[in-house]
Protein backbone atom coordinates (compact mmCIF):
# COMPACT_ATOMS: atom_id res chain seq x y z
CA GLN A 1 -2.56 -41.07 -14.09
CA VAL A 2 0.03 -39.83 -16.56
CA GLN A 3 3.11 -37.84 -15.61
CA LEU A 4 4.88 -35.78 -18.24
CA VAL A 5 8.40 -34.39 -18.17
CA GLU A 6 9.64 -32.05 -20.88
CA SER A 7 13.25 -31.51 -21.88
CA GLY A 8 15.31 -29.94 -24.62
CA GLY A 9 14.57 -26.27 -24.15
CA GLY A 10 17.26 -23.63 -24.18
CA LEU A 11 18.66 -20.53 -25.78
CA VAL A 12 19.13 -20.49 -29.55
CA GLN A 13 19.72 -17.83 -32.20
CA ALA A 14 17.07 -16.96 -34.73
CA GLY A 15 17.14 -19.43 -37.62
CA GLY A 16 18.38 -22.22 -35.40
CA SER A 17 16.73 -25.46 -34.30
CA LEU A 18 15.76 -27.20 -31.09
CA ARG A 19 14.17 -30.55 -30.39
CA LEU A 20 11.86 -30.79 -27.43
CA SER A 21 11.05 -34.13 -25.85
CA CYS A 22 8.31 -35.17 -23.47
CA ALA A 23 8.64 -38.39 -21.56
CA ALA A 24 5.43 -39.92 -20.24
CA SER A 25 4.92 -42.38 -17.40
CA GLY A 26 2.37 -45.13 -17.47
CA ARG A 27 1.59 -48.12 -19.66
CA THR A 28 -1.16 -46.52 -21.72
CA PHE A 29 0.82 -43.83 -23.51
CA SER A 30 -0.29 -45.11 -26.91
CA SER A 31 -3.91 -44.43 -25.94
CA TYR A 32 -3.34 -40.72 -25.41
CA SER A 33 -3.23 -37.94 -27.90
CA MET A 34 -0.30 -35.66 -27.25
CA GLY A 35 -0.06 -31.94 -27.70
CA TRP A 36 2.41 -29.09 -27.36
CA PHE A 37 1.33 -25.66 -26.17
CA ARG A 38 3.31 -22.56 -25.38
CA GLN A 39 2.92 -19.47 -23.27
CA ALA A 40 4.89 -16.28 -23.72
CA PRO A 41 5.13 -13.65 -20.95
CA GLY A 42 1.92 -11.67 -20.69
CA LYS A 43 0.12 -13.85 -23.21
CA GLU A 44 -2.33 -16.69 -23.01
CA ARG A 45 -1.31 -20.26 -23.54
CA GLU A 46 -1.60 -21.18 -27.21
CA PHE A 47 -1.71 -24.38 -29.23
CA VAL A 48 1.39 -25.40 -31.14
CA ALA A 49 1.00 -28.96 -32.39
CA ALA A 50 -0.80 -32.24 -31.63
CA ILE A 51 -0.72 -35.87 -32.67
CA SER A 52 -3.73 -38.14 -32.37
CA TRP A 53 -3.50 -41.48 -30.58
CA VAL A 54 -5.99 -43.08 -33.03
CA ASP A 55 -4.29 -42.58 -36.38
CA SER A 56 -1.23 -40.44 -35.54
CA ASN A 57 -2.65 -37.58 -37.59
CA THR A 58 -0.82 -34.39 -36.77
CA TYR A 59 -2.09 -30.85 -36.46
CA SER A 60 -0.16 -27.60 -36.06
CA ALA A 61 -0.80 -23.96 -35.62
CA ASP A 62 -0.51 -21.75 -38.67
CA SER A 63 2.33 -19.83 -37.02
CA VAL A 64 4.56 -22.92 -36.94
CA LYS A 65 3.42 -24.83 -40.06
CA GLY A 66 6.37 -25.85 -42.14
CA ARG A 67 8.80 -25.17 -39.30
CA PHE A 68 7.73 -27.42 -36.41
CA THR A 69 7.05 -31.15 -36.55
CA ILE A 70 5.45 -33.30 -33.85
CA SER A 71 6.16 -37.01 -33.65
CA ARG A 72 5.70 -39.80 -31.16
CA ASP A 73 7.50 -43.02 -30.24
CA ASN A 74 5.04 -45.28 -28.46
CA ALA A 75 7.72 -47.83 -27.66
CA LYS A 76 9.59 -45.21 -25.66
CA ASN A 77 6.57 -43.31 -24.29
CA THR A 78 7.93 -40.16 -25.82
CA VAL A 79 6.68 -37.31 -27.96
CA HIS A 80 8.96 -34.86 -29.73
CA LEU A 81 8.65 -31.40 -31.15
CA GLN A 82 11.27 -30.61 -33.79
CA MET A 83 11.53 -26.85 -34.16
CA ASN A 84 13.37 -25.42 -37.12
CA VAL A 85 13.91 -21.91 -38.41
CA LEU A 86 13.14 -20.53 -34.97
CA LYS A 87 12.08 -16.93 -34.63
CA PRO A 88 12.20 -14.57 -31.63
CA GLU A 89 8.42 -14.75 -31.45
CA ASP A 90 8.71 -18.47 -30.71
CA THR A 91 10.15 -17.55 -27.29
CA ALA A 92 7.91 -19.07 -24.64
CA VAL A 93 7.53 -21.80 -22.06
CA TYR A 94 6.55 -24.94 -23.94
CA TYR A 95 4.23 -27.45 -22.32
CA CYS A 96 3.51 -31.03 -23.19
CA ALA A 97 0.02 -32.36 -22.67
CA ALA A 98 -1.83 -35.68 -22.83
CA GLY A 99 -5.49 -36.38 -23.34
CA ARG A 100 -8.04 -38.75 -24.85
CA ALA A 101 -9.33 -36.27 -27.43
CA VAL A 102 -9.44 -37.44 -31.01
CA TYR A 103 -10.82 -34.71 -33.22
CA GLU A 104 -8.89 -31.67 -34.39
CA HIS A 105 -11.31 -29.14 -32.92
CA THR A 106 -10.63 -30.61 -29.47
CA LEU A 107 -6.93 -31.33 -29.89
CA ILE A 108 -6.17 -27.65 -30.58
CA ARG A 109 -7.65 -26.54 -27.24
CA SER A 110 -6.20 -26.80 -23.76
CA ALA A 111 -9.49 -28.25 -22.53
CA GLY A 112 -8.84 -31.32 -24.65
CA TYR A 113 -6.03 -32.45 -22.37
CA ASP A 114 -6.05 -33.97 -18.90
CA TYR A 115 -2.37 -34.04 -18.01
CA TRP A 116 0.33 -31.41 -18.31
CA GLY A 117 4.06 -31.24 -17.87
CA GLN A 118 5.88 -28.52 -15.96
CA GLY A 119 7.12 -26.74 -19.09
CA THR A 120 10.48 -26.03 -20.64
CA GLN A 121 11.79 -22.59 -21.58
CA VAL A 122 12.67 -21.82 -25.18
CA THR A 123 14.37 -18.52 -25.85
CA VAL A 124 15.19 -17.36 -29.35
CA SER A 125 17.53 -14.40 -29.69
CA ALA A 126 17.43 -12.07 -32.64
């Protein structure tokens, strides 16, 4: 069992930055791939970024490439999402997820994850 708690969300102006963190419980954090997803009002949950537990390869959605960076600290059981040059369309609830998936085609889908956090709100004003 893995419990995930997100933090770092808030209100920021367009062009600004935020750093989301996700703290995981359990002793096997390093054996889980970690992902970030987001859901805006009235829209489906969508993939943002992921980092593999096997080789720490990272993957990100085209909409955030070059602006968002995912990283992990296995010693602290934490995964981060650095978000730069934020846009109003980035406004959403951001969720952290953990799973045993390895390949990109699985990591970019919600079904590739077994555990989810409660989400943290990110609001970007124009």
